[in-house]
């Protein structure tokens, strides 16, 4: 089967927007769990990181909506915004830092 025949450009925009939504939901869930942990353990650094993660999740969701609009207007050949890719990278690193802080906090108490 050739590559062109196996490619389905009709569903690519939907898959892309769903992946942005899943990423934002995962970040938000991580933020909420870590906010709770920071509140329970009275950890200001964890609360700050978790608050930043909530903002990052909102940014990823916003970029996902923007990407959905781009794909609906221009089709699958619309290029992704480099700023959006950087935002997702920063959000992922922030989620990692928050998770590590939460794990370390658990070992300190």
N, C-alpha and C. Protein backbone atom coordinates (compact mmCIF):
# COMPACT_ATOMS: atom_id res chain seq x y z
N UNK A 1 0.84 -1.17 0.00
CA UNK A 1 0.00 0.00 0.00
C UNK A 1 0.89 1.24 0.00
N UNK A 2 0.62 2.18 -0.85
CA UNK A 2 1.47 3.36 -0.95
C UNK A 2 1.16 4.34 0.18
N UNK A 3 2.12 5.23 0.43
CA UNK A 3 1.96 6.21 1.49
C UNK A 3 0.80 7.15 1.18
N UNK A 4 0.66 7.56 -0.05
CA UNK A 4 -0.42 8.48 -0.44
C UNK A 4 -1.78 7.83 -0.25
N UNK A 5 -1.88 6.54 -0.53
CA UNK A 5 -3.16 5.86 -0.39
C UNK A 5 -3.53 5.63 1.07
N UNK A 6 -2.52 5.46 1.95
CA UNK A 6 -2.81 5.19 3.35
C UNK A 6 -3.05 6.47 4.15
N UNK A 7 -2.72 7.60 3.59
CA UNK A 7 -2.90 8.88 4.28
C UNK A 7 -4.35 9.33 4.16
N UNK A 8 -4.92 9.79 5.27
CA UNK A 8 -6.29 10.27 5.27
C UNK A 8 -6.32 11.72 5.75
N UNK A 9 -6.15 12.68 4.85
CA UNK A 9 -6.08 14.08 5.27
C UNK A 9 -7.41 14.60 5.79
N UNK A 10 -8.51 13.89 5.57
CA UNK A 10 -9.80 14.36 6.03
C UNK A 10 -9.95 14.30 7.54
N UNK A 11 -9.31 13.33 8.18
CA UNK A 11 -9.43 13.19 9.62
C UNK A 11 -8.29 13.83 10.39
N UNK A 12 -7.25 14.25 9.71
CA UNK A 12 -6.09 14.83 10.39
C UNK A 12 -6.45 16.05 11.24
N UNK A 13 -7.26 16.98 10.76
CA UNK A 13 -7.60 18.13 11.62
C UNK A 13 -8.32 17.72 12.90
N UNK A 14 -9.19 16.74 12.81
CA UNK A 14 -9.90 16.29 14.00
C UNK A 14 -8.96 15.63 15.00
N UNK A 15 -8.04 14.82 14.49
CA UNK A 15 -7.07 14.17 15.37
C UNK A 15 -6.18 15.21 16.05
N UNK A 16 -5.79 16.22 15.29
CA UNK A 16 -4.94 17.28 15.84
C UNK A 16 -5.65 18.03 16.95
N UNK A 17 -6.88 18.44 16.70
CA UNK A 17 -7.60 19.20 17.72
C UNK A 17 -7.90 18.34 18.94
N UNK A 18 -8.17 17.06 18.74
CA UNK A 18 -8.38 16.17 19.88
C UNK A 18 -7.11 16.02 20.71
N UNK A 19 -5.97 15.97 20.06
CA UNK A 19 -4.72 15.82 20.81
C UNK A 19 -4.43 17.08 21.62
N UNK A 20 -4.73 18.25 21.08
CA UNK A 20 -4.56 19.49 21.83
C UNK A 20 -5.48 19.49 23.06
N UNK A 21 -6.70 19.04 22.88
CA UNK A 21 -7.66 19.00 23.98
C UNK A 21 -7.21 18.01 25.05
N UNK A 22 -6.74 16.84 24.64
CA UNK A 22 -6.24 15.85 25.61
C UNK A 22 -5.03 16.38 26.37
N UNK A 23 -4.14 17.06 25.68
CA UNK A 23 -2.96 17.62 26.34
C UNK A 23 -3.37 18.65 27.38
N UNK A 24 -4.28 19.55 27.00
CA UNK A 24 -4.74 20.58 27.94
C UNK A 24 -5.45 19.94 29.14
N UNK A 25 -6.25 18.92 28.90
CA UNK A 25 -6.96 18.24 29.99
C UNK A 25 -5.98 17.55 30.94
N UNK A 26 -4.97 16.92 30.38
CA UNK A 26 -3.95 16.27 31.21
C UNK A 26 -3.18 17.27 32.06
N UNK A 27 -2.83 18.40 31.46
CA UNK A 27 -2.13 19.44 32.21
C UNK A 27 -3.01 20.00 33.32
N UNK A 28 -4.28 20.22 33.01
CA UNK A 28 -5.19 20.76 34.01
C UNK A 28 -5.39 19.78 35.17
N UNK A 29 -5.53 18.51 34.86
CA UNK A 29 -5.68 17.51 35.90
C UNK A 29 -4.44 17.46 36.79
N UNK A 30 -3.28 17.49 36.18
CA UNK A 30 -2.02 17.52 36.93
C UNK A 30 -1.99 18.75 37.83
N UNK A 31 -2.40 19.91 37.30
CA UNK A 31 -2.38 21.14 38.08
C UNK A 31 -3.32 21.07 39.27
N UNK A 32 -4.52 20.55 39.06
CA UNK A 32 -5.50 20.46 40.14
C UNK A 32 -5.01 19.52 41.24
N UNK A 33 -4.49 18.38 40.86
CA UNK A 33 -3.97 17.43 41.87
C UNK A 33 -2.82 18.03 42.66
N UNK A 34 -1.94 18.75 41.96
CA UNK A 34 -0.81 19.35 42.65
C UNK A 34 -1.22 20.58 43.46
N UNK A 35 -2.24 21.31 43.02
CA UNK A 35 -2.77 22.40 43.83
C UNK A 35 -3.28 21.85 45.16
N UNK A 36 -4.00 20.75 45.09
CA UNK A 36 -4.51 20.12 46.31
C UNK A 36 -3.36 19.69 47.21
N UNK A 37 -2.35 19.06 46.62
CA UNK A 37 -1.20 18.61 47.40
C UNK A 37 -0.48 19.81 48.04
N UNK A 38 -0.32 20.88 47.28
CA UNK A 38 0.33 22.07 47.82
C UNK A 38 -0.47 22.70 48.94
N UNK A 39 -1.79 22.66 48.81
CA UNK A 39 -2.66 23.21 49.86
C UNK A 39 -2.61 22.34 51.12
N UNK A 40 -2.69 21.02 50.94
CA UNK A 40 -2.67 20.10 52.08
C UNK A 40 -1.35 20.19 52.83
N UNK A 41 -0.24 20.28 52.10
CA UNK A 41 1.08 20.31 52.73
C UNK A 41 1.57 21.73 52.99
N UNK A 42 0.74 22.72 52.70
CA UNK A 42 1.08 24.12 52.91
C UNK A 42 2.43 24.48 52.26
N UNK A 43 2.56 24.10 50.99
CA UNK A 43 3.80 24.32 50.25
C UNK A 43 3.59 25.45 49.23
N UNK A 44 4.15 26.60 49.54
CA UNK A 44 4.01 27.75 48.64
C UNK A 44 4.66 27.49 47.28
N UNK A 45 5.87 26.92 47.22
CA UNK A 45 6.45 26.66 45.89
C UNK A 45 5.58 25.75 45.02
N UNK A 46 5.00 24.72 45.63
CA UNK A 46 4.15 23.82 44.86
C UNK A 46 2.87 24.53 44.42
N UNK A 47 2.33 25.39 45.27
CA UNK A 47 1.13 26.16 44.89
C UNK A 47 1.45 27.10 43.73
N UNK A 48 2.61 27.72 43.76
CA UNK A 48 3.00 28.64 42.68
C UNK A 48 3.19 27.86 41.38
N UNK A 49 3.91 26.74 41.44
CA UNK A 49 4.10 25.92 40.24
C UNK A 49 2.76 25.41 39.70
N UNK A 50 1.88 25.00 40.58
CA UNK A 50 0.58 24.49 40.16
C UNK A 50 -0.28 25.60 39.55
N UNK A 51 -0.20 26.78 40.12
CA UNK A 51 -0.93 27.92 39.54
C UNK A 51 -0.42 28.25 38.14
N UNK A 52 0.91 28.20 37.98
CA UNK A 52 1.48 28.43 36.66
C UNK A 52 1.05 27.34 35.69
N UNK A 53 0.91 26.13 36.19
CA UNK A 53 0.47 25.02 35.35
C UNK A 53 -0.98 25.18 34.91
N UNK A 54 -1.81 25.74 35.76
CA UNK A 54 -3.20 26.05 35.37
C UNK A 54 -3.20 27.04 34.21
N UNK A 55 -2.36 28.06 34.31
CA UNK A 55 -2.25 29.05 33.24
C UNK A 55 -1.73 28.39 31.96
N UNK A 56 -0.75 27.50 32.10
CA UNK A 56 -0.21 26.80 30.94
C UNK A 56 -1.27 25.93 30.28
N UNK A 57 -2.08 25.26 31.09
CA UNK A 57 -3.16 24.43 30.53
C UNK A 57 -4.15 25.29 29.76
N UNK A 58 -4.47 26.46 30.29
CA UNK A 58 -5.37 27.38 29.58
C UNK A 58 -4.74 27.84 28.27
N UNK A 59 -3.44 28.09 28.28
CA UNK A 59 -2.76 28.50 27.05
C UNK A 59 -2.78 27.39 26.00
N UNK A 60 -2.53 26.16 26.43
CA UNK A 60 -2.56 25.03 25.50
C UNK A 60 -3.96 24.86 24.92
N UNK A 61 -4.98 24.99 25.76
CA UNK A 61 -6.35 24.90 25.27
C UNK A 61 -6.64 26.01 24.26
N UNK A 62 -6.17 27.22 24.54
CA UNK A 62 -6.37 28.35 23.61
C UNK A 62 -5.67 28.11 22.28
N UNK A 63 -4.43 27.62 22.36
CA UNK A 63 -3.71 27.32 21.13
C UNK A 63 -4.40 26.19 20.36
N UNK A 64 -4.99 25.26 21.08
CA UNK A 64 -5.74 24.19 20.41
C UNK A 64 -6.93 24.74 19.65
N UNK A 65 -7.63 25.68 20.25
CA UNK A 65 -8.77 26.30 19.56
C UNK A 65 -8.29 27.08 18.34
N UNK A 66 -7.16 27.78 18.49
CA UNK A 66 -6.59 28.51 17.36
C UNK A 66 -6.21 27.54 16.25
N UNK A 67 -5.62 26.43 16.62
CA UNK A 67 -5.21 25.43 15.62
C UNK A 67 -6.42 24.83 14.92
N UNK A 68 -7.49 24.59 15.67
CA UNK A 68 -8.73 24.08 15.07
C UNK A 68 -9.25 25.06 14.02
N UNK A 69 -9.21 26.35 14.36
CA UNK A 69 -9.66 27.38 13.42
C UNK A 69 -8.76 27.41 12.18
N UNK A 70 -7.44 27.33 12.38
CA UNK A 70 -6.51 27.33 11.25
C UNK A 70 -6.78 26.15 10.32
N UNK A 71 -6.98 24.98 10.91
CA UNK A 71 -7.20 23.78 10.10
C UNK A 71 -8.54 23.83 9.38
N UNK A 72 -9.55 24.40 10.01
CA UNK A 72 -10.84 24.47 9.33
C UNK A 72 -10.83 25.49 8.20
N UNK A 73 -10.02 26.54 8.34
CA UNK A 73 -9.94 27.56 7.29
C UNK A 73 -9.01 27.18 6.15
N UNK A 74 -7.87 26.57 6.50
CA UNK A 74 -6.83 26.32 5.49
C UNK A 74 -6.61 24.85 5.18
N UNK A 75 -7.27 23.96 5.90
CA UNK A 75 -7.10 22.54 5.64
C UNK A 75 -5.88 21.97 6.31
N UNK A 76 -5.62 20.70 6.08
CA UNK A 76 -4.52 20.00 6.75
C UNK A 76 -3.14 20.56 6.42
N UNK A 77 -3.02 21.31 5.34
CA UNK A 77 -1.71 21.83 4.98
C UNK A 77 -1.33 23.09 5.77
N UNK A 78 -2.21 23.57 6.64
CA UNK A 78 -1.92 24.74 7.46
C UNK A 78 -0.75 24.42 8.41
N UNK A 79 0.23 25.29 8.42
CA UNK A 79 1.40 25.08 9.26
C UNK A 79 1.08 25.43 10.71
N UNK A 80 1.65 24.68 11.62
CA UNK A 80 1.45 24.94 13.04
C UNK A 80 2.25 26.17 13.45
N UNK A 81 1.72 26.92 14.37
CA UNK A 81 2.37 28.12 14.89
C UNK A 81 3.55 27.70 15.77
N UNK A 82 4.76 28.19 15.47
CA UNK A 82 5.93 27.83 16.29
C UNK A 82 5.77 28.26 17.74
N UNK A 83 5.08 29.37 17.98
CA UNK A 83 4.84 29.82 19.35
C UNK A 83 4.01 28.80 20.11
N UNK A 84 3.05 28.21 19.45
CA UNK A 84 2.22 27.18 20.09
C UNK A 84 3.06 25.97 20.47
N UNK A 85 3.95 25.58 19.60
CA UNK A 85 4.81 24.43 19.89
C UNK A 85 5.71 24.73 21.09
N UNK A 86 6.21 25.95 21.16
CA UNK A 86 7.04 26.33 22.31
C UNK A 86 6.21 26.36 23.59
N UNK A 87 4.99 26.84 23.49
CA UNK A 87 4.11 26.90 24.66
C UNK A 87 3.83 25.50 25.20
N UNK A 88 3.60 24.55 24.32
CA UNK A 88 3.36 23.18 24.76
C UNK A 88 4.63 22.60 25.39
N UNK A 89 5.77 22.91 24.84
CA UNK A 89 7.03 22.44 25.42
C UNK A 89 7.22 23.01 26.82
N UNK A 90 6.98 24.30 26.98
CA UNK A 90 7.11 24.93 28.30
C UNK A 90 6.10 24.34 29.27
N UNK A 91 4.87 24.13 28.81
CA UNK A 91 3.84 23.55 29.67
C UNK A 91 4.22 22.14 30.10
N UNK A 92 4.79 21.37 29.21
CA UNK A 92 5.22 20.01 29.55
C UNK A 92 6.35 20.03 30.57
N UNK A 93 7.31 20.93 30.38
CA UNK A 93 8.40 21.05 31.35
C UNK A 93 7.88 21.53 32.70
N UNK A 94 6.92 22.43 32.68
CA UNK A 94 6.32 22.90 33.92
C UNK A 94 5.56 21.78 34.62
N UNK A 95 4.86 20.95 33.85
CA UNK A 95 4.16 19.81 34.44
C UNK A 95 5.16 18.84 35.06
N UNK A 96 6.28 18.65 34.42
CA UNK A 96 7.32 17.77 34.96
C UNK A 96 7.89 18.33 36.25
N UNK A 97 8.18 19.64 36.25
CA UNK A 97 8.72 20.27 37.46
C UNK A 97 7.71 20.21 38.60
N UNK A 98 6.45 20.42 38.29
CA UNK A 98 5.42 20.37 39.33
C UNK A 98 5.27 18.95 39.88
N UNK A 99 5.29 17.98 39.00
CA UNK A 99 5.20 16.59 39.45
C UNK A 99 6.39 16.20 40.32
N UNK A 100 7.58 16.61 39.91
CA UNK A 100 8.77 16.31 40.72
C UNK A 100 8.70 17.01 42.08
N UNK A 101 8.23 18.25 42.09
CA UNK A 101 8.10 18.97 43.36
C UNK A 101 7.09 18.26 44.26
N UNK A 102 6.03 17.76 43.68
CA UNK A 102 5.03 17.05 44.47
C UNK A 102 5.60 15.76 45.05
N UNK A 103 6.37 15.05 44.24
CA UNK A 103 6.99 13.80 44.73
C UNK A 103 7.99 14.10 45.83
N UNK A 104 8.82 15.12 45.63
CA UNK A 104 9.81 15.47 46.65
C UNK A 104 9.12 15.95 47.93
N UNK A 105 8.03 16.66 47.79
CA UNK A 105 7.28 17.13 48.96
C UNK A 105 6.76 15.95 49.75
N UNK A 106 6.31 14.92 49.05
CA UNK A 106 5.82 13.72 49.73
C UNK A 106 6.90 13.02 50.53
N UNK A 107 8.14 13.10 50.07
CA UNK A 107 9.25 12.46 50.79
C UNK A 107 9.71 13.32 51.97
N UNK A 108 9.45 14.62 51.92
CA UNK A 108 9.88 15.51 53.00
C UNK A 108 8.94 15.46 54.18
N UNK A 109 7.69 15.06 53.96
CA UNK A 109 6.72 15.08 55.07
C UNK A 109 6.51 13.70 55.60
